[in-house]
Amino acid sequence: MLRELALHTPPNVTNEGWLNALPELLRSARVGRRLARLDASLRQTLLTLFAGSAGD
């Protein structure tokens, strides 16, 4: 799953109003929904991976 997430373009934050940002918000919600479906041990592993420094 992590490889698949890394291959996707990250959400594009825009200053052109919420209506233009809505598609990016929906795309981000899809990713969040997928992460929420992971079991607790995998979520903890991802949190540790993302929260750690590159040197760890």
N, C-alpha and C. Protein backbone atom coordinates (compact mmCIF):
# COMPACT_ATOMS: atom_id res chain seq x y z
N MET A 1 0.82 -1.19 0.00
CA MET A 1 0.00 0.00 0.00
C MET A 1 0.87 1.26 0.00
N LEU A 2 1.95 1.22 0.73
CA LEU A 2 2.82 2.39 0.81
C LEU A 2 3.42 2.72 -0.55
N ARG A 3 3.81 1.71 -1.30
CA ARG A 3 4.35 1.94 -2.64
C ARG A 3 3.31 2.59 -3.53
N GLU A 4 2.09 2.12 -3.46
CA GLU A 4 1.01 2.67 -4.27
C GLU A 4 0.74 4.13 -3.91
N LEU A 5 0.79 4.46 -2.62
CA LEU A 5 0.61 5.86 -2.21
C LEU A 5 1.76 6.74 -2.69
N ALA A 6 2.97 6.20 -2.66
CA ALA A 6 4.13 6.98 -3.07
C ALA A 6 4.12 7.28 -4.57
N LEU A 7 3.46 6.45 -5.35
CA LEU A 7 3.43 6.65 -6.79
C LEU A 7 2.38 7.66 -7.24
N HIS A 8 1.46 8.02 -6.36
CA HIS A 8 0.42 8.99 -6.70
C HIS A 8 0.89 10.42 -6.42
N THR A 9 0.41 11.34 -7.22
CA THR A 9 0.72 12.75 -7.02
C THR A 9 0.02 13.24 -5.75
N PRO A 10 0.72 13.97 -4.89
CA PRO A 10 0.09 14.46 -3.67
C PRO A 10 -0.98 15.52 -3.99
N PRO A 11 -1.88 15.77 -3.05
CA PRO A 11 -2.92 16.78 -3.28
C PRO A 11 -2.32 18.15 -3.57
N ASN A 12 -2.97 18.88 -4.45
CA ASN A 12 -2.52 20.21 -4.83
C ASN A 12 -3.35 21.24 -4.07
N VAL A 13 -2.70 21.95 -3.15
CA VAL A 13 -3.38 22.98 -2.38
C VAL A 13 -3.49 24.22 -3.25
N THR A 14 -4.67 24.81 -3.29
CA THR A 14 -4.90 25.96 -4.14
C THR A 14 -5.42 27.13 -3.33
N ASN A 15 -5.16 28.33 -3.78
CA ASN A 15 -5.67 29.55 -3.15
C ASN A 15 -6.83 30.13 -3.93
N GLU A 16 -7.37 29.37 -4.85
CA GLU A 16 -8.41 29.88 -5.74
C GLU A 16 -9.82 29.57 -5.25
N GLY A 17 -9.99 29.34 -3.98
CA GLY A 17 -11.32 29.09 -3.43
C GLY A 17 -11.58 27.63 -3.18
N TRP A 18 -12.58 27.39 -2.35
CA TRP A 18 -12.86 26.02 -1.94
C TRP A 18 -13.47 25.20 -3.06
N LEU A 19 -14.16 25.84 -3.98
CA LEU A 19 -14.78 25.09 -5.07
C LEU A 19 -13.72 24.47 -5.98
N ASN A 20 -12.64 25.19 -6.22
CA ASN A 20 -11.55 24.65 -7.04
C ASN A 20 -10.74 23.60 -6.28
N ALA A 21 -10.76 23.68 -4.95
CA ALA A 21 -10.00 22.73 -4.14
C ALA A 21 -10.80 21.46 -3.84
N LEU A 22 -12.08 21.44 -4.13
CA LEU A 22 -12.93 20.32 -3.79
C LEU A 22 -12.47 18.98 -4.39
N PRO A 23 -12.09 18.90 -5.66
CA PRO A 23 -11.60 17.60 -6.17
C PRO A 23 -10.38 17.08 -5.42
N GLU A 24 -9.48 17.98 -5.05
CA GLU A 24 -8.29 17.55 -4.29
C GLU A 24 -8.67 17.08 -2.90
N LEU A 25 -9.65 17.74 -2.30
CA LEU A 25 -10.12 17.33 -0.98
C LEU A 25 -10.73 15.94 -1.04
N LEU A 26 -11.51 15.66 -2.06
CA LEU A 26 -12.12 14.34 -2.21
C LEU A 26 -11.06 13.26 -2.45
N ARG A 27 -10.04 13.59 -3.22
CA ARG A 27 -8.96 12.64 -3.45
C ARG A 27 -8.21 12.34 -2.15
N SER A 28 -8.00 13.37 -1.34
CA SER A 28 -7.34 13.18 -0.05
C SER A 28 -8.20 12.35 0.89
N ALA A 29 -9.51 12.54 0.84
CA ALA A 29 -10.41 11.75 1.68
C ALA A 29 -10.34 10.27 1.31
N ARG A 30 -10.19 9.98 0.02
CA ARG A 30 -10.06 8.58 -0.41
C ARG A 30 -8.82 7.93 0.19
N VAL A 31 -7.72 8.67 0.18
CA VAL A 31 -6.49 8.14 0.77
C VAL A 31 -6.67 7.94 2.27
N GLY A 32 -7.28 8.91 2.93
CA GLY A 32 -7.53 8.80 4.37
C GLY A 32 -8.41 7.62 4.72
N ARG A 33 -9.40 7.37 3.88
CA ARG A 33 -10.30 6.23 4.11
C ARG A 33 -9.52 4.92 4.00
N ARG A 34 -8.62 4.85 3.03
CA ARG A 34 -7.81 3.63 2.88
C ARG A 34 -6.90 3.42 4.08
N LEU A 35 -6.32 4.50 4.59
CA LEU A 35 -5.46 4.39 5.76
C LEU A 35 -6.26 4.01 7.00
N ALA A 36 -7.48 4.50 7.10
CA ALA A 36 -8.31 4.18 8.26
C ALA A 36 -8.71 2.72 8.29
N ARG A 37 -8.73 2.06 7.14
CA ARG A 37 -9.10 0.64 7.07
C ARG A 37 -7.99 -0.29 7.54
N LEU A 38 -6.79 0.22 7.66
CA LEU A 38 -5.67 -0.61 8.11
C LEU A 38 -5.88 -1.02 9.56
N ASP A 39 -5.35 -2.18 9.92
CA ASP A 39 -5.47 -2.57 11.32
C ASP A 39 -4.51 -1.73 12.17
N ALA A 40 -4.71 -1.79 13.47
CA ALA A 40 -4.00 -0.90 14.39
C ALA A 40 -2.48 -1.07 14.32
N SER A 41 -2.00 -2.29 14.16
CA SER A 41 -0.55 -2.50 14.14
C SER A 41 0.08 -1.87 12.89
N LEU A 42 -0.60 -1.97 11.75
CA LEU A 42 -0.07 -1.34 10.53
C LEU A 42 -0.11 0.18 10.62
N ARG A 43 -1.17 0.72 11.22
CA ARG A 43 -1.24 2.18 11.39
C ARG A 43 -0.12 2.66 12.31
N GLN A 44 0.17 1.89 13.36
CA GLN A 44 1.26 2.26 14.27
C GLN A 44 2.59 2.22 13.55
N THR A 45 2.79 1.22 12.69
CA THR A 45 4.03 1.13 11.92
C THR A 45 4.16 2.32 10.97
N LEU A 46 3.08 2.70 10.30
CA LEU A 46 3.13 3.87 9.42
C LEU A 46 3.41 5.15 10.19
N LEU A 47 2.80 5.29 11.35
CA LEU A 47 3.05 6.47 12.18
C LEU A 47 4.51 6.55 12.59
N THR A 48 5.06 5.43 12.98
CA THR A 48 6.47 5.39 13.36
C THR A 48 7.36 5.74 12.17
N LEU A 49 7.02 5.22 11.01
CA LEU A 49 7.80 5.49 9.80
C LEU A 49 7.75 6.96 9.43
N PHE A 50 6.56 7.56 9.44
CA PHE A 50 6.40 8.95 9.04
C PHE A 50 6.92 9.93 10.07
N ALA A 51 6.86 9.56 11.35
CA ALA A 51 7.25 10.49 12.41
C ALA A 51 8.76 10.47 12.68
N GLY A 52 9.43 9.41 12.23
CA GLY A 52 10.86 9.30 12.48
C GLY A 52 11.68 10.13 11.49
N SER A 53 12.90 10.42 11.88
CA SER A 53 13.78 11.15 10.97
C SER A 53 14.42 10.18 9.98
N ALA A 54 14.99 10.70 8.92
CA ALA A 54 15.60 9.86 7.89
C ALA A 54 16.83 9.13 8.44
N GLY A 55 17.45 9.65 9.45
CA GLY A 55 18.64 9.05 10.01
C GLY A 55 18.36 7.90 10.96
N ASP A 56 17.12 7.72 11.35
CA ASP A 56 16.78 6.66 12.31
C ASP A 56 16.72 5.30 11.66
